[in-house]
């Protein structure tokens, strides 16, 4: 699993534009499989990947399994989603993803 730099830039752009949800329960807000499929009907895999801070380079490029560490709902960045990504990255020793999530949190909390 490696850092998805395009996703980080996408998240920063959304944060800069104020497209952030600061108070939510991420476990209830993260996209379901149906919502992911709906998004993929109207967007390509690159657009889908912009919503995930991690890329599993061992997985096929056009599969959901390639993407990890979601941070938003295909519309906005969720603060709790970024926190969840940071915590999971730390638990799995993905320091580059953890650091990127920390940077996003700092931007959100400014």
PDB file of N, CA and C in Angstrom:
ATOM      1  N   UNK A   1       0.854  -1.172   0.000  1.00  0.00           N
ATOM      2  CA  UNK A   1       0.000   0.000   0.000  1.00  0.00           C
ATOM      3  C   UNK A   1       0.900   1.236   0.000  1.00  0.00           C
ATOM      4  N   UNK A   2       0.629   2.136  -0.933  1.00  0.00           N
ATOM      5  CA  UNK A   2       1.425   3.359  -0.982  1.00  0.00           C
ATOM      6  C   UNK A   2       0.497   4.574  -1.000  1.00  0.00           C
ATOM      7  N   UNK A   3       1.073   5.718  -0.743  1.00  0.00           N
ATOM      8  CA  UNK A   3       0.322   6.961  -0.709  1.00  0.00           C
ATOM      9  C   UNK A   3      -0.183   7.322  -2.105  1.00  0.00           C
ATOM     10  N   UNK A   4      -1.442   7.699  -2.169  1.00  0.00           N
ATOM     11  CA  UNK A   4      -2.060   8.173  -3.407  1.00  0.00           C
ATOM     12  C   UNK A   4      -1.948   9.701  -3.417  1.00  0.00           C
ATOM     13  N   UNK A   5      -0.914  10.207  -4.052  1.00  0.00           N
ATOM     14  CA  UNK A   5      -0.648  11.650  -4.059  1.00  0.00           C
ATOM     15  C   UNK A   5      -1.764  12.441  -4.730  1.00  0.00           C
ATOM     16  N   UNK A   6      -2.391  11.869  -5.748  1.00  0.00           N
ATOM     17  CA  UNK A   6      -3.505  12.559  -6.417  1.00  0.00           C
ATOM     18  C   UNK A   6      -4.677  12.733  -5.462  1.00  0.00           C
ATOM     19  N   UNK A   7      -4.917  11.729  -4.608  1.00  0.00           N
ATOM     20  CA  UNK A   7      -6.002  11.826  -3.630  1.00  0.00           C
ATOM     21  C   UNK A   7      -5.711  12.913  -2.602  1.00  0.00           C
ATOM     22  N   UNK A   8      -4.458  13.017  -2.204  1.00  0.00           N
ATOM     23  CA  UNK A   8      -4.081  14.054  -1.238  1.00  0.00           C
ATOM     24  C   UNK A   8      -4.322  15.433  -1.843  1.00  0.00           C
ATOM     25  N   UNK A   9      -3.918  15.625  -3.088  1.00  0.00           N
ATOM     26  CA  UNK A   9      -4.147  16.919  -3.751  1.00  0.00           C
ATOM     27  C   UNK A   9      -5.639  17.209  -3.902  1.00  0.00           C
ATOM     28  N   UNK A  10      -6.404  16.186  -4.232  1.00  0.00           N
ATOM     29  CA  UNK A  10      -7.853  16.343  -4.364  1.00  0.00           C
ATOM     30  C   UNK A  10      -8.468  16.753  -3.027  1.00  0.00           C
ATOM     31  N   UNK A  11      -8.061  16.082  -1.964  1.00  0.00           N
ATOM     32  CA  UNK A  11      -8.578  16.414  -0.634  1.00  0.00           C
ATOM     33  C   UNK A  11      -8.205  17.843  -0.241  1.00  0.00           C
ATOM     34  N   UNK A  12      -6.976  18.232  -0.512  1.00  0.00           N
ATOM     35  CA  UNK A  12      -6.541  19.598  -0.186  1.00  0.00           C
ATOM     36  C   UNK A  12      -7.373  20.627  -0.942  1.00  0.00           C
ATOM     37  N   UNK A  13      -7.665  20.350  -2.192  1.00  0.00           N
ATOM     38  CA  UNK A  13      -8.483  21.256  -2.997  1.00  0.00           C
ATOM     39  C   UNK A  13      -9.895  21.378  -2.414  1.00  0.00           C
ATOM     40  N   UNK A  14     -10.465  20.246  -2.024  1.00  0.00           N
ATOM     41  CA  UNK A  14     -11.801  20.261  -1.425  1.00  0.00           C
ATOM     42  C   UNK A  14     -11.804  21.037  -0.103  1.00  0.00           C
ATOM     43  N   UNK A  15     -10.784  20.810   0.711  1.00  0.00           N
ATOM     44  CA  UNK A  15     -10.679  21.522   1.991  1.00  0.00           C
ATOM     45  C   UNK A  15     -10.552  23.012   1.738  1.00  0.00           C
ATOM     46  N   UNK A  16      -9.706  23.388   0.792  1.00  0.00           N
ATOM     47  CA  UNK A  16      -9.527  24.790   0.435  1.00  0.00           C
ATOM     48  C   UNK A  16     -10.851  25.423   0.000  1.00  0.00           C
ATOM     49  N   UNK A  17     -11.687  24.654  -0.701  1.00  0.00           N
ATOM     50  CA  UNK A  17     -12.982  25.144  -1.174  1.00  0.00           C
ATOM     51  C   UNK A  17     -14.083  25.060  -0.123  1.00  0.00           C
ATOM     52  N   UNK A  18     -13.732  24.602   1.087  1.00  0.00           N
ATOM     53  CA  UNK A  18     -14.713  24.535   2.171  1.00  0.00           C
ATOM     54  C   UNK A  18     -15.640  23.332   2.104  1.00  0.00           C
ATOM     55  N   UNK A  19     -15.301  22.352   1.304  1.00  0.00           N
ATOM     56  CA  UNK A  19     -16.154  21.158   1.162  1.00  0.00           C
ATOM     57  C   UNK A  19     -15.724  20.120   2.198  1.00  0.00           C
ATOM     58  N   UNK A  20     -16.059  20.428   3.466  1.00  0.00           N
ATOM     59  CA  UNK A  20     -15.631  19.621   4.599  1.00  0.00           C
ATOM     60  C   UNK A  20     -16.807  19.431   5.559  1.00  0.00           C
ATOM     61  N   UNK A  21     -16.934  18.234   6.089  1.00  0.00           N
ATOM     62  CA  UNK A  21     -17.883  17.952   7.156  1.00  0.00           C
ATOM     63  C   UNK A  21     -17.049  17.708   8.412  1.00  0.00           C
ATOM     64  N   UNK A  22     -17.217  18.598   9.396  1.00  0.00           N
ATOM     65  CA  UNK A  22     -16.377  18.503  10.588  1.00  0.00           C
ATOM     66  C   UNK A  22     -16.982  17.633  11.681  1.00  0.00           C
ATOM     67  N   UNK A  23     -18.303  17.580  11.777  1.00  0.00           N
ATOM     68  CA  UNK A  23     -18.958  16.799  12.821  1.00  0.00           C
ATOM     69  C   UNK A  23     -19.831  15.734  12.188  1.00  0.00           C
ATOM     70  N   UNK A  24     -19.378  14.486  12.272  1.00  0.00           N
ATOM     71  CA  UNK A  24     -20.147  13.382  11.709  1.00  0.00           C
ATOM     72  C   UNK A  24     -19.695  12.079  12.345  1.00  0.00           C
ATOM     73  N   UNK A  25     -20.450  11.045  12.088  1.00  0.00           N
ATOM     74  CA  UNK A  25     -20.073   9.699  12.493  1.00  0.00           C
ATOM     75  C   UNK A  25     -19.644   8.981  11.218  1.00  0.00           C
ATOM     76  N   UNK A  26     -18.340   8.923  10.976  1.00  0.00           N
ATOM     77  CA  UNK A  26     -17.818   8.375   9.727  1.00  0.00           C
ATOM     78  C   UNK A  26     -18.319   6.957   9.468  1.00  0.00           C
ATOM     79  N   UNK A  27     -18.495   6.188  10.525  1.00  0.00           N
ATOM     80  CA  UNK A  27     -18.943   4.804  10.333  1.00  0.00           C
ATOM     81  C   UNK A  27     -20.319   4.754   9.667  1.00  0.00           C
ATOM     82  N   UNK A  28     -21.094   5.817   9.807  1.00  0.00           N
ATOM     83  CA  UNK A  28     -22.420   5.882   9.180  1.00  0.00           C
ATOM     84  C   UNK A  28     -22.404   6.681   7.878  1.00  0.00           C
ATOM     85  N   UNK A  29     -21.321   7.393   7.616  1.00  0.00           N
ATOM     86  CA  UNK A  29     -21.264   8.290   6.468  1.00  0.00           C
ATOM     87  C   UNK A  29     -20.436   7.756   5.300  1.00  0.00           C
ATOM     88  N   UNK A  30     -19.496   6.860   5.572  1.00  0.00           N
ATOM     89  CA  UNK A  30     -18.644   6.408   4.472  1.00  0.00           C
ATOM     90  C   UNK A  30     -19.492   5.684   3.434  1.00  0.00           C
ATOM     91  N   UNK A  31     -19.119   5.837   2.184  1.00  0.00           N
ATOM     92  CA  UNK A  31     -19.923   5.281   1.099  1.00  0.00           C
ATOM     93  C   UNK A  31     -20.092   3.763   1.179  1.00  0.00           C
ATOM     94  N   UNK A  32     -21.301   3.326   0.889  1.00  0.00           N
ATOM     95  CA  UNK A  32     -21.593   1.895   0.824  1.00  0.00           C
ATOM     96  C   UNK A  32     -21.113   1.363  -0.530  1.00  0.00           C
ATOM     97  N   UNK A  33     -21.130   0.053  -0.674  1.00  0.00           N
ATOM     98  CA  UNK A  33     -20.760  -0.556  -1.959  1.00  0.00           C
ATOM     99  C   UNK A  33     -21.675  -0.057  -3.068  1.00  0.00           C
ATOM    100  N   UNK A  34     -22.965   0.110  -2.769  1.00  0.00           N
ATOM    101  CA  UNK A  34     -23.904   0.619  -3.778  1.00  0.00           C
ATOM    102  C   UNK A  34     -23.561   2.049  -4.193  1.00  0.00           C
ATOM    103  N   UNK A  35     -23.190   2.886  -3.221  1.00  0.00           N
ATOM    104  CA  UNK A  35     -22.808   4.265  -3.541  1.00  0.00           C
ATOM    105  C   UNK A  35     -21.519   4.295  -4.361  1.00  0.00           C
ATOM    106  N   UNK A  36     -20.592   3.409  -4.045  1.00  0.00           N
ATOM    107  CA  UNK A  36     -19.363   3.320  -4.830  1.00  0.00           C
ATOM    108  C   UNK A  36     -19.676   2.920  -6.268  1.00  0.00           C
ATOM    109  N   UNK A  37     -20.540   1.924  -6.423  1.00  0.00           N
ATOM    110  CA  UNK A  37     -20.921   1.474  -7.769  1.00  0.00           C
ATOM    111  C   UNK A  37     -21.624   2.571  -8.550  1.00  0.00           C
ATOM    112  N   UNK A  38     -22.475   3.313  -7.881  1.00  0.00           N
ATOM    113  CA  UNK A  38     -23.182   4.425  -8.521  1.00  0.00           C
ATOM    114  C   UNK A  38     -22.184   5.477  -9.003  1.00  0.00           C
ATOM    115  N   UNK A  39     -21.191   5.793  -8.175  1.00  0.00           N
ATOM    116  CA  UNK A  39     -20.160   6.751  -8.550  1.00  0.00           C
ATOM    117  C   UNK A  39     -19.400   6.252  -9.777  1.00  0.00           C
ATOM    118  N   UNK A  40     -19.069   4.969  -9.771  1.00  0.00           N
ATOM    119  CA  UNK A  40     -18.294   4.392 -10.880  1.00  0.00           C
ATOM    120  C   UNK A  40     -19.073   4.335 -12.195  1.00  0.00           C
ATOM    121  N   UNK A  41     -20.384   4.351 -12.125  1.00  0.00           N
ATOM    122  CA  UNK A  41     -21.185   4.387 -13.358  1.00  0.00           C
ATOM    123  C   UNK A  41     -21.010   5.708 -14.091  1.00  0.00           C
ATOM    124  N   UNK A  42     -20.710   6.765 -13.331  1.00  0.00           N
ATOM    125  CA  UNK A  42     -20.614   8.105 -13.906  1.00  0.00           C
ATOM    126  C   UNK A  42     -19.198   8.671 -13.948  1.00  0.00           C
ATOM    127  N   UNK A  43     -18.231   7.934 -13.410  1.00  0.00           N
ATOM    128  CA  UNK A  43     -16.845   8.414 -13.329  1.00  0.00           C
ATOM    129  C   UNK A  43     -15.890   7.262 -13.638  1.00  0.00           C
ATOM    130  N   UNK A  44     -14.659   7.616 -13.978  1.00  0.00           N
ATOM    131  CA  UNK A  44     -13.663   6.586 -14.246  1.00  0.00           C
ATOM    132  C   UNK A  44     -12.936   6.190 -12.958  1.00  0.00           C
ATOM    133  N   UNK A  45     -12.049   5.211 -13.091  1.00  0.00           N
ATOM    134  CA  UNK A  45     -11.327   4.709 -11.926  1.00  0.00           C
ATOM    135  C   UNK A  45     -10.381   5.746 -11.336  1.00  0.00           C
ATOM    136  N   UNK A  46      -9.859   6.637 -12.158  1.00  0.00           N
ATOM    137  CA  UNK A  46      -8.980   7.689 -11.634  1.00  0.00           C
ATOM    138  C   UNK A  46      -9.754   8.618 -10.708  1.00  0.00           C
ATOM    139  N   UNK A  47     -10.970   8.991 -11.113  1.00  0.00           N
ATOM    140  CA  UNK A  47     -11.814   9.854 -10.272  1.00  0.00           C
ATOM    141  C   UNK A  47     -12.188   9.128  -8.980  1.00  0.00           C
ATOM    142  N   UNK A  48     -12.476   7.857  -9.091  1.00  0.00           N
ATOM    143  CA  UNK A  48     -12.795   7.049  -7.905  1.00  0.00           C
ATOM    144  C   UNK A  48     -11.605   7.032  -6.941  1.00  0.00           C
ATOM    145  N   UNK A  49     -10.419   6.817  -7.487  1.00  0.00           N
ATOM    146  CA  UNK A  49      -9.218   6.729  -6.670  1.00  0.00           C
ATOM    147  C   UNK A  49      -8.880   8.005  -5.924  1.00  0.00           C
ATOM    148  N   UNK A  50      -9.346   9.142  -6.425  1.00  0.00           N
ATOM    149  CA  UNK A  50      -9.072  10.417  -5.755  1.00  0.00           C
ATOM    150  C   UNK A  50      -9.703  10.509  -4.368  1.00  0.00           C
ATOM    151  N   UNK A  51     -10.560   9.580  -4.030  1.00  0.00           N
ATOM    152  CA  UNK A  51     -11.245   9.587  -2.732  1.00  0.00           C
ATOM    153  C   UNK A  51     -10.621   8.603  -1.743  1.00  0.00           C
ATOM    154  N   UNK A  52      -9.447   8.064  -2.098  1.00  0.00           N
ATOM    155  CA  UNK A  52      -8.776   7.077  -1.254  1.00  0.00           C
ATOM    156  C   UNK A  52      -7.303   7.443  -1.119  1.00  0.00           C
ATOM    157  N   UNK A  53      -6.833   7.549   0.121  1.00  0.00           N
ATOM    158  CA  UNK A  53      -5.463   7.982   0.364  1.00  0.00           C
ATOM    159  C   UNK A  53      -4.421   6.904   0.075  1.00  0.00           C
ATOM    160  N   UNK A  54      -4.857   5.666  -0.075  1.00  0.00           N
ATOM    161  CA  UNK A  54      -3.915   4.585  -0.325  1.00  0.00           C
ATOM    162  C   UNK A  54      -4.190   3.849  -1.618  1.00  0.00           C
ATOM    163  N   UNK A  55      -3.111   3.339  -2.221  1.00  0.00           N
ATOM    164  CA  UNK A  55      -3.192   2.522  -3.432  1.00  0.00           C
ATOM    165  C   UNK A  55      -2.433   1.225  -3.169  1.00  0.00           C
ATOM    166  N   UNK A  56      -3.112   0.110  -3.399  1.00  0.00           N
ATOM    167  CA  UNK A  56      -2.468  -1.197  -3.297  1.00  0.00           C
ATOM    168  C   UNK A  56      -1.972  -1.559  -4.689  1.00  0.00           C
ATOM    169  N   UNK A  57      -0.698  -1.391  -4.912  1.00  0.00           N
ATOM    170  CA  UNK A  57      -0.120  -1.586  -6.240  1.00  0.00           C
ATOM    171  C   UNK A  57      -0.101  -3.049  -6.674  1.00  0.00           C
ATOM    172  N   UNK A  58      -0.408  -3.967  -5.764  1.00  0.00           N
ATOM    173  CA  UNK A  58      -0.496  -5.384  -6.122  1.00  0.00           C
ATOM    174  C   UNK A  58      -1.859  -5.731  -6.728  1.00  0.00           C
ATOM    175  N   UNK A  59      -2.807  -4.815  -6.618  1.00  0.00           N
ATOM    176  CA  UNK A  59      -4.159  -5.054  -7.128  1.00  0.00           C
ATOM    177  C   UNK A  59      -4.312  -4.478  -8.535  1.00  0.00           C
ATOM    178  N   UNK A  60      -5.239  -5.025  -9.286  1.00  0.00           N
ATOM    179  CA  UNK A  60      -5.559  -4.534 -10.624  1.00  0.00           C
ATOM    180  C   UNK A  60      -6.011  -3.079 -10.534  1.00  0.00           C
ATOM    181  N   UNK A  61      -5.583  -2.276 -11.502  1.00  0.00           N
ATOM    182  CA  UNK A  61      -5.865  -0.837 -11.491  1.00  0.00           C
ATOM    183  C   UNK A  61      -7.358  -0.516 -11.475  1.00  0.00           C
ATOM    184  N   UNK A  62      -8.164  -1.351 -12.092  1.00  0.00           N
ATOM    185  CA  UNK A  62      -9.592  -1.063 -12.177  1.00  0.00           C
ATOM    186  C   UNK A  62     -10.405  -1.985 -11.272  1.00  0.00           C
ATOM    187  N   UNK A  63     -10.034  -1.989  -9.981  1.00  0.00           N
ATOM    188  CA  UNK A  63     -10.787  -2.730  -8.978  1.00  0.00           C
ATOM    189  C   UNK A  63     -10.877  -1.903  -7.706  1.00  0.00           C
ATOM    190  N   UNK A  64     -11.913  -2.155  -6.945  1.00  0.00           N
ATOM    191  CA  UNK A  64     -12.052  -1.463  -5.663  1.00  0.00           C
ATOM    192  C   UNK A  64     -10.951  -1.880  -4.694  1.00  0.00           C
ATOM    193  N   UNK A  65     -10.473  -3.110  -4.828  1.00  0.00           N
ATOM    194  CA  UNK A  65      -9.435  -3.608  -3.942  1.00  0.00           C
ATOM    195  C   UNK A  65      -8.124  -2.848  -4.034  1.00  0.00           C
ATOM    196  N   UNK A  66      -7.953  -2.101  -5.096  1.00  0.00           N
ATOM    197  CA  UNK A  66      -6.733  -1.309  -5.270  1.00  0.00           C
ATOM    198  C   UNK A  66      -6.726  -0.089  -4.347  1.00  0.00           C
ATOM    199  N   UNK A  67      -7.880   0.335  -3.900  1.00  0.00           N
ATOM    200  CA  UNK A  67      -8.012   1.601  -3.178  1.00  0.00           C
ATOM    201  C   UNK A  67      -8.321   1.382  -1.699  1.00  0.00           C
ATOM    202  N   UNK A  68      -7.609   2.095  -0.845  1.00  0.00           N
ATOM    203  CA  UNK A  68      -7.819   1.996   0.596  1.00  0.00           C
ATOM    204  C   UNK A  68      -7.739   3.351   1.266  1.00  0.00           C
ATOM    205  N   UNK A  69      -8.234   3.414   2.456  1.00  0.00           N
ATOM    206  CA  UNK A  69      -8.198   4.622   3.278  1.00  0.00           C
ATOM    207  C   UNK A  69      -9.079   5.737   2.703  1.00  0.00           C
ATOM    208  N   UNK A  70     -10.398   5.494   2.647  1.00  0.00           N
ATOM    209  CA  UNK A  70     -11.316   6.525   2.166  1.00  0.00           C
ATOM    210  C   UNK A  70     -11.384   7.695   3.146  1.00  0.00           C
ATOM    211  N   UNK A  71     -11.672   8.868   2.624  1.00  0.00           N
ATOM    212  CA  UNK A  71     -11.756  10.059   3.481  1.00  0.00           C
ATOM    213  C   UNK A  71     -12.998  10.908   3.212  1.00  0.00           C
ATOM    214  N   UNK A  72     -13.815  10.528   2.243  1.00  0.00           N
ATOM    215  CA  UNK A  72     -14.980  11.340   1.917  1.00  0.00           C
ATOM    216  C   UNK A  72     -16.071  10.527   1.258  1.00  0.00           C
ATOM    217  N   UNK A  73     -17.153  11.220   0.905  1.00  0.00           N
ATOM    218  CA  UNK A  73     -18.336  10.557   0.361  1.00  0.00           C
ATOM    219  C   UNK A  73     -18.561  10.851  -1.120  1.00  0.00           C
ATOM    220  N   UNK A  74     -17.523  11.191  -1.841  1.00  0.00           N
ATOM    221  CA  UNK A  74     -17.556  11.553  -3.258  1.00  0.00           C
ATOM    222  C   UNK A  74     -18.103  12.962  -3.481  1.00  0.00           C
ATOM    223  N   UNK A  75     -18.293  13.698  -2.384  1.00  0.00           N
ATOM    224  CA  UNK A  75     -18.723  15.095  -2.476  1.00  0.00           C
ATOM    225  C   UNK A  75     -17.894  15.987  -1.561  1.00  0.00           C
ATOM    226  N   UNK A  76     -17.666  15.496  -0.338  1.00  0.00           N
ATOM    227  CA  UNK A  76     -16.977  16.281   0.682  1.00  0.00           C
ATOM    228  C   UNK A  76     -15.974  15.433   1.441  1.00  0.00           C
ATOM    229  N   UNK A  77     -15.013  16.130   2.052  1.00  0.00           N
ATOM    230  CA  UNK A  77     -14.048  15.510   2.952  1.00  0.00           C
ATOM    231  C   UNK A  77     -14.704  15.427   4.334  1.00  0.00           C
ATOM    232  N   UNK A  78     -14.576  14.289   4.970  1.00  0.00           N
ATOM    233  CA  UNK A  78     -15.095  14.111   6.325  1.00  0.00           C
ATOM    234  C   UNK A  78     -13.931  14.076   7.305  1.00  0.00           C
ATOM    235  N   UNK A  79     -13.965  14.981   8.276  1.00  0.00           N
ATOM    236  CA  UNK A  79     -12.892  15.035   9.264  1.00  0.00           C
ATOM    237  C   UNK A  79     -12.716  13.680   9.933  1.00  0.00           C
ATOM    238  N   UNK A  80     -13.834  13.048  10.326  1.00  0.00           N
ATOM    239  CA  UNK A  80     -13.759  11.737  10.965  1.00  0.00           C
ATOM    240  C   UNK A  80     -13.213  10.674  10.011  1.00  0.00           C
ATOM    241  N   UNK A  81     -13.447  10.828   8.725  1.00  0.00           N
ATOM    242  CA  UNK A  81     -12.895   9.906   7.737  1.00  0.00           C
ATOM    243  C   UNK A  81     -11.384  10.021   7.655  1.00  0.00           C
ATOM    244  N   UNK A  82     -10.888  11.251   7.734  1.00  0.00           N
ATOM    245  CA  UNK A  82      -9.438  11.476   7.710  1.00  0.00           C
ATOM    246  C   UNK A  82      -8.812  10.916   8.982  1.00  0.00           C
ATOM    247  N   UNK A  83      -9.485  11.105  10.114  1.00  0.00           N
ATOM    248  CA  UNK A  83      -8.984  10.554  11.383  1.00  0.00           C
ATOM    249  C   UNK A  83      -8.925   9.031  11.307  1.00  0.00           C
ATOM    250  N   UNK A  84      -9.984   8.419  10.773  1.00  0.00           N
ATOM    251  CA  UNK A  84     -10.014   6.956  10.652  1.00  0.00           C
ATOM    252  C   UNK A  84      -8.880   6.470   9.744  1.00  0.00           C
ATOM    253  N   UNK A  85      -8.640   7.176   8.648  1.00  0.00           N
ATOM    254  CA  UNK A  85      -7.557   6.806   7.738  1.00  0.00           C
ATOM    255  C   UNK A  85      -6.207   6.920   8.447  1.00  0.00           C
ATOM    256  N   UNK A  86      -6.032   7.991   9.191  1.00  0.00           N
ATOM    257  CA  UNK A  86      -4.776   8.190   9.914  1.00  0.00           C
ATOM    258  C   UNK A  86      -4.550   7.066  10.929  1.00  0.00           C
ATOM    259  N   UNK A  87      -5.587   6.718  11.675  1.00  0.00           N
ATOM    260  CA  UNK A  87      -5.448   5.678  12.689  1.00  0.00           C
ATOM    261  C   UNK A  87      -5.147   4.320  12.063  1.00  0.00           C
ATOM    262  N   UNK A  88      -5.851   3.971  10.995  1.00  0.00           N
ATOM    263  CA  UNK A  88      -5.617   2.684  10.328  1.00  0.00           C
ATOM    264  C   UNK A  88      -4.234   2.639   9.694  1.00  0.00           C
ATOM    265  N   UNK A  89      -3.807   3.762   9.142  1.00  0.00           N
ATOM    266  CA  UNK A  89      -2.463   3.815   8.549  1.00  0.00           C
ATOM    267  C   UNK A  89      -1.403   3.602   9.630  1.00  0.00           C
ATOM    268  N   UNK A  90      -1.594   4.230  10.789  1.00  0.00           N
ATOM    269  CA  UNK A  90      -0.641   4.065  11.888  1.00  0.00           C
ATOM    270  C   UNK A  90      -0.609   2.621  12.363  1.00  0.00           C
ATOM    271  N   UNK A  91      -1.772   1.979  12.469  1.00  0.00           N
ATOM    272  CA  UNK A  91      -1.850   0.587  12.917  1.00  0.00           C
ATOM    273  C   UNK A  91      -1.143  -0.358  11.958  1.00  0.00           C
ATOM    274  N   UNK A  92      -1.117   0.006  10.680  1.00  0.00           N
ATOM    275  CA  UNK A  92      -0.536  -0.867   9.655  1.00  0.00           C
ATOM    276  C   UNK A  92       0.841  -0.412   9.180  1.00  0.00           C
ATOM    277  N   UNK A  93       1.422   0.560   9.875  1.00  0.00           N
ATOM    278  CA  UNK A  93       2.764   1.068   9.568  1.00  0.00           C
ATOM    279  C   UNK A  93       2.886   1.661   8.168  1.00  0.00           C
ATOM    280  N   UNK A  94       1.852   2.366   7.715  1.00  0.00           N
ATOM    281  CA  UNK A  94       1.906   3.114   6.460  1.00  0.00           C
ATOM    282  C   UNK A  94       2.168   4.571   6.813  1.00  0.00           C
ATOM    283  N   UNK A  95       3.419   4.864   7.142  1.00  0.00           N
ATOM    284  CA  UNK A  95       3.752   6.181   7.686  1.00  0.00           C
ATOM    285  C   UNK A  95       3.490   7.316   6.697  1.00  0.00           C
ATOM    286  N   UNK A  96       3.649   7.075   5.400  1.00  0.00           N
ATOM    287  CA  UNK A  96       3.399   8.144   4.437  1.00  0.00           C
ATOM    288  C   UNK A  96       1.911   8.499   4.371  1.00  0.00           C
ATOM    289  N   UNK A  97       1.049   7.500   4.485  1.00  0.00           N
ATOM    290  CA  UNK A  97      -0.394   7.753   4.496  1.00  0.00           C
ATOM    291  C   UNK A  97      -0.794   8.428   5.803  1.00  0.00           C
ATOM    292  N   UNK A  98      -0.228   7.968   6.901  1.00  0.00           N
ATOM    293  CA  UNK A  98      -0.499   8.580   8.202  1.00  0.00           C
ATOM    294  C   UNK A  98      -0.096  10.057   8.201  1.00  0.00           C
ATOM    295  N   UNK A  99       1.080  10.353   7.673  1.00  0.00           N
ATOM    296  CA  UNK A  99       1.566  11.733   7.632  1.00  0.00           C
ATOM    297  C   UNK A  99       0.668  12.609   6.754  1.00  0.00           C
ATOM    298  N   UNK A 100       0.249  12.084   5.602  1.00  0.00           N
ATOM    299  CA  UNK A 100      -0.631  12.845   4.714  1.00  0.00           C
ATOM    300  C   UNK A 100      -1.977  13.127   5.390  1.00  0.00           C
ATOM    301  N   UNK A 101      -2.522  12.132   6.081  1.00  0.00           N
ATOM    302  CA  UNK A 101      -3.781  12.331   6.789  1.00  0.00           C
ATOM    303  C   UNK A 101      -3.618  13.382   7.877  1.00  0.00           C
ATOM    304  N   UNK A 102      -2.483  13.369   8.553  1.00  0.00           N
ATOM    305  CA  UNK A 102      -2.216  14.364   9.590  1.00  0.00           C
ATOM    306  C   UNK A 102      -2.168  15.770   8.990  1.00  0.00           C
ATOM    307  N   UNK A 103      -1.542  15.919   7.831  1.00  0.00           N
ATOM    308  CA  UNK A 103      -1.507  17.217   7.148  1.00  0.00           C
ATOM    309  C   UNK A 103      -2.916  17.683   6.787  1.00  0.00           C
ATOM    310  N   UNK A 104      -3.748  16.755   6.311  1.00  0.00           N
ATOM    311  CA  UNK A 104      -5.128  17.111   5.975  1.00  0.00           C
ATOM    312  C   UNK A 104      -5.890  17.557   7.211  1.00  0.00           C
ATOM    313  N   UNK A 105      -5.691  16.861   8.314  1.00  0.00           N
ATOM    314  CA  UNK A 105      -6.352  17.253   9.571  1.00  0.00           C
ATOM    315  C   UNK A 105      -5.934  18.655  10.004  1.00  0.00           C
ATOM    316  N   UNK A 106      -4.669  18.958   9.859  1.00  0.00           N
ATOM    317  CA  UNK A 106      -4.203  20.300  10.222  1.00  0.00           C
ATOM    318  C   UNK A 106      -4.888  21.362   9.353  1.00  0.00           C
ATOM    319  N   UNK A 107      -5.058  21.072   8.078  1.00  0.00           N
ATOM    320  CA  UNK A 107      -5.747  22.008   7.192  1.00  0.00           C
ATOM    321  C   UNK A 107      -7.210  22.170   7.608  1.00  0.00           C
ATOM    322  N   UNK A 108      -7.860  21.075   7.921  1.00  0.00           N
ATOM    323  CA  UNK A 108      -9.268  21.117   8.316  1.00  0.00           C
ATOM    324  C   UNK A 108      -9.445  21.916   9.603  1.00  0.00           C
ATOM    325  N   UNK A 109      -8.531  21.739  10.545  1.00  0.00           N
ATOM    326  CA  UNK A 109      -8.675  22.349  11.867  1.00  0.00           C
ATOM    327  C   UNK A 109      -8.202  23.793  11.940  1.00  0.00           C
ATOM    328  N   UNK A 110      -7.692  24.343  10.850  1.00  0.00           N
ATOM    329  CA  UNK A 110      -7.254  25.746  10.852  1.00  0.00           C
ATOM    330  C   UNK A 110      -8.431  26.667  10.997  1.00  0.00           C
TER     331      UNK A 110
END
